[in-house]
Amino acid sequence: MIFRKIWSYLTFQKQEGERNLNTRLMHGMNRVSLLMFAIALVIILVRFVFK
């Protein structure tokens, strides 16, 4: 369930119930933060493996 929601955020699929501007902006910020977190994890893992 939670992985499906994260995947829908990362792939920018429309969520049901998005009605007002504040909700859409909040989901947009969540997408950006999740994407930055995933990129940071990949960078940390690459540095750890190739050190």
N, C-alpha and C. Protein backbone atom coordinates (compact mmCIF):
# COMPACT_ATOMS: atom_id res chain seq x y z
N MET A 1 0.83 -1.20 0.00
CA MET A 1 0.00 0.00 0.00
C MET A 1 0.87 1.25 0.00
N ILE A 2 1.81 1.36 0.94
CA ILE A 2 2.62 2.56 1.03
C ILE A 2 3.56 2.68 -0.16
N PHE A 3 4.08 1.54 -0.65
CA PHE A 3 4.97 1.59 -1.80
C PHE A 3 4.21 2.00 -3.06
N ARG A 4 2.97 1.59 -3.17
CA ARG A 4 2.14 1.99 -4.31
C ARG A 4 1.91 3.50 -4.29
N LYS A 5 1.69 4.08 -3.12
CA LYS A 5 1.47 5.52 -3.01
C LYS A 5 2.76 6.28 -3.33
N ILE A 6 3.91 5.79 -2.83
CA ILE A 6 5.19 6.42 -3.14
C ILE A 6 5.45 6.35 -4.64
N TRP A 7 5.19 5.19 -5.25
CA TRP A 7 5.39 5.05 -6.69
C TRP A 7 4.50 6.01 -7.47
N SER A 8 3.27 6.19 -7.02
CA SER A 8 2.38 7.12 -7.73
C SER A 8 2.85 8.56 -7.57
N TYR A 9 3.45 8.90 -6.42
CA TYR A 9 4.03 10.23 -6.27
C TYR A 9 5.20 10.43 -7.24
N LEU A 10 6.07 9.43 -7.30
CA LEU A 10 7.27 9.57 -8.13
C LEU A 10 6.96 9.57 -9.62
N THR A 11 5.90 8.90 -10.02
CA THR A 11 5.54 8.86 -11.43
C THR A 11 4.51 9.93 -11.79
N PHE A 12 4.18 10.80 -10.84
CA PHE A 12 3.28 11.93 -11.05
C PHE A 12 1.90 11.50 -11.54
N GLN A 13 1.41 10.38 -11.03
CA GLN A 13 0.06 9.96 -11.36
C GLN A 13 -0.93 10.80 -10.56
N LYS A 14 -2.06 11.08 -11.16
CA LYS A 14 -3.06 11.90 -10.48
C LYS A 14 -3.67 11.12 -9.32
N GLN A 15 -3.70 11.77 -8.17
CA GLN A 15 -4.28 11.16 -6.98
C GLN A 15 -5.77 11.52 -6.92
N GLU A 16 -6.57 10.57 -6.46
CA GLU A 16 -7.98 10.88 -6.30
C GLU A 16 -8.14 11.79 -5.08
N GLY A 17 -9.03 12.73 -5.17
CA GLY A 17 -9.29 13.61 -4.06
C GLY A 17 -8.49 14.90 -4.10
N GLU A 18 -7.66 15.14 -5.11
CA GLU A 18 -6.93 16.40 -5.22
C GLU A 18 -7.89 17.45 -5.73
N ARG A 19 -8.27 18.35 -4.86
CA ARG A 19 -9.29 19.31 -5.26
C ARG A 19 -8.78 20.73 -5.24
N ASN A 20 -8.11 21.13 -4.17
CA ASN A 20 -7.73 22.54 -4.11
C ASN A 20 -6.24 22.73 -4.35
N LEU A 21 -5.86 23.98 -4.47
CA LEU A 21 -4.48 24.33 -4.81
C LEU A 21 -3.51 23.91 -3.72
N ASN A 22 -3.88 24.08 -2.45
CA ASN A 22 -2.99 23.74 -1.35
C ASN A 22 -2.65 22.26 -1.34
N THR A 23 -3.62 21.43 -1.60
CA THR A 23 -3.37 19.98 -1.63
C THR A 23 -2.44 19.61 -2.78
N ARG A 24 -2.67 20.21 -3.94
CA ARG A 24 -1.80 19.92 -5.09
C ARG A 24 -0.38 20.39 -4.84
N LEU A 25 -0.21 21.56 -4.22
CA LEU A 25 1.14 22.05 -3.91
C LEU A 25 1.83 21.16 -2.89
N MET A 26 1.08 20.70 -1.90
CA MET A 26 1.64 19.81 -0.88
C MET A 26 2.12 18.51 -1.53
N HIS A 27 1.31 17.94 -2.42
CA HIS A 27 1.72 16.71 -3.10
C HIS A 27 2.93 16.96 -4.00
N GLY A 28 3.00 18.12 -4.62
CA GLY A 28 4.17 18.46 -5.42
C GLY A 28 5.44 18.54 -4.59
N MET A 29 5.36 19.16 -3.41
CA MET A 29 6.53 19.23 -2.54
C MET A 29 6.92 17.85 -2.03
N ASN A 30 5.92 17.01 -1.77
CA ASN A 30 6.22 15.64 -1.34
C ASN A 30 6.94 14.87 -2.44
N ARG A 31 6.51 15.06 -3.69
CA ARG A 31 7.18 14.39 -4.80
C ARG A 31 8.64 14.81 -4.90
N VAL A 32 8.88 16.11 -4.80
CA VAL A 32 10.25 16.61 -4.90
C VAL A 32 11.10 16.08 -3.77
N SER A 33 10.58 16.09 -2.54
CA SER A 33 11.37 15.62 -1.40
C SER A 33 11.64 14.12 -1.48
N LEU A 34 10.67 13.34 -1.92
CA LEU A 34 10.90 11.90 -2.08
C LEU A 34 11.93 11.62 -3.18
N LEU A 35 11.86 12.37 -4.26
CA LEU A 35 12.82 12.20 -5.34
C LEU A 35 14.24 12.56 -4.89
N MET A 36 14.37 13.67 -4.15
CA MET A 36 15.68 14.07 -3.64
C MET A 36 16.22 13.04 -2.65
N PHE A 37 15.35 12.48 -1.81
CA PHE A 37 15.76 11.46 -0.85
C PHE A 37 16.25 10.21 -1.58
N ALA A 38 15.54 9.79 -2.63
CA ALA A 38 15.94 8.60 -3.39
C ALA A 38 17.28 8.84 -4.07
N ILE A 39 17.49 10.02 -4.64
CA ILE A 39 18.77 10.34 -5.28
C ILE A 39 19.90 10.33 -4.26
N ALA A 40 19.65 10.91 -3.08
CA ALA A 40 20.67 10.93 -2.03
C ALA A 40 21.03 9.52 -1.58
N LEU A 41 20.04 8.64 -1.47
CA LEU A 41 20.32 7.26 -1.09
C LEU A 41 21.19 6.56 -2.13
N VAL A 42 20.91 6.79 -3.39
CA VAL A 42 21.71 6.18 -4.45
C VAL A 42 23.14 6.70 -4.39
N ILE A 43 23.33 8.00 -4.20
CA ILE A 43 24.67 8.57 -4.11
C ILE A 43 25.43 8.00 -2.92
N ILE A 44 24.77 7.89 -1.78
CA ILE A 44 25.42 7.33 -0.59
C ILE A 44 25.82 5.88 -0.83
N LEU A 45 24.94 5.10 -1.44
CA LEU A 45 25.25 3.69 -1.71
C LEU A 45 26.40 3.56 -2.70
N VAL A 46 26.42 4.39 -3.73
CA VAL A 46 27.50 4.33 -4.71
C VAL A 46 28.83 4.69 -4.06
N ARG A 47 28.86 5.72 -3.26
CA ARG A 47 30.08 6.10 -2.57
C ARG A 47 30.55 5.02 -1.60
N PHE A 48 29.61 4.37 -0.94
CA PHE A 48 29.96 3.32 0.01
C PHE A 48 30.53 2.10 -0.71
N VAL A 49 29.96 1.75 -1.84
CA VAL A 49 30.39 0.55 -2.56
C VAL A 49 31.75 0.77 -3.23
N PHE A 50 31.98 1.95 -3.82
CA PHE A 50 33.19 2.18 -4.57
C PHE A 50 34.30 2.87 -3.78
N LYS A 51 34.17 2.92 -2.47
CA LYS A 51 35.21 3.56 -1.66
C LYS A 51 36.39 2.65 -1.43
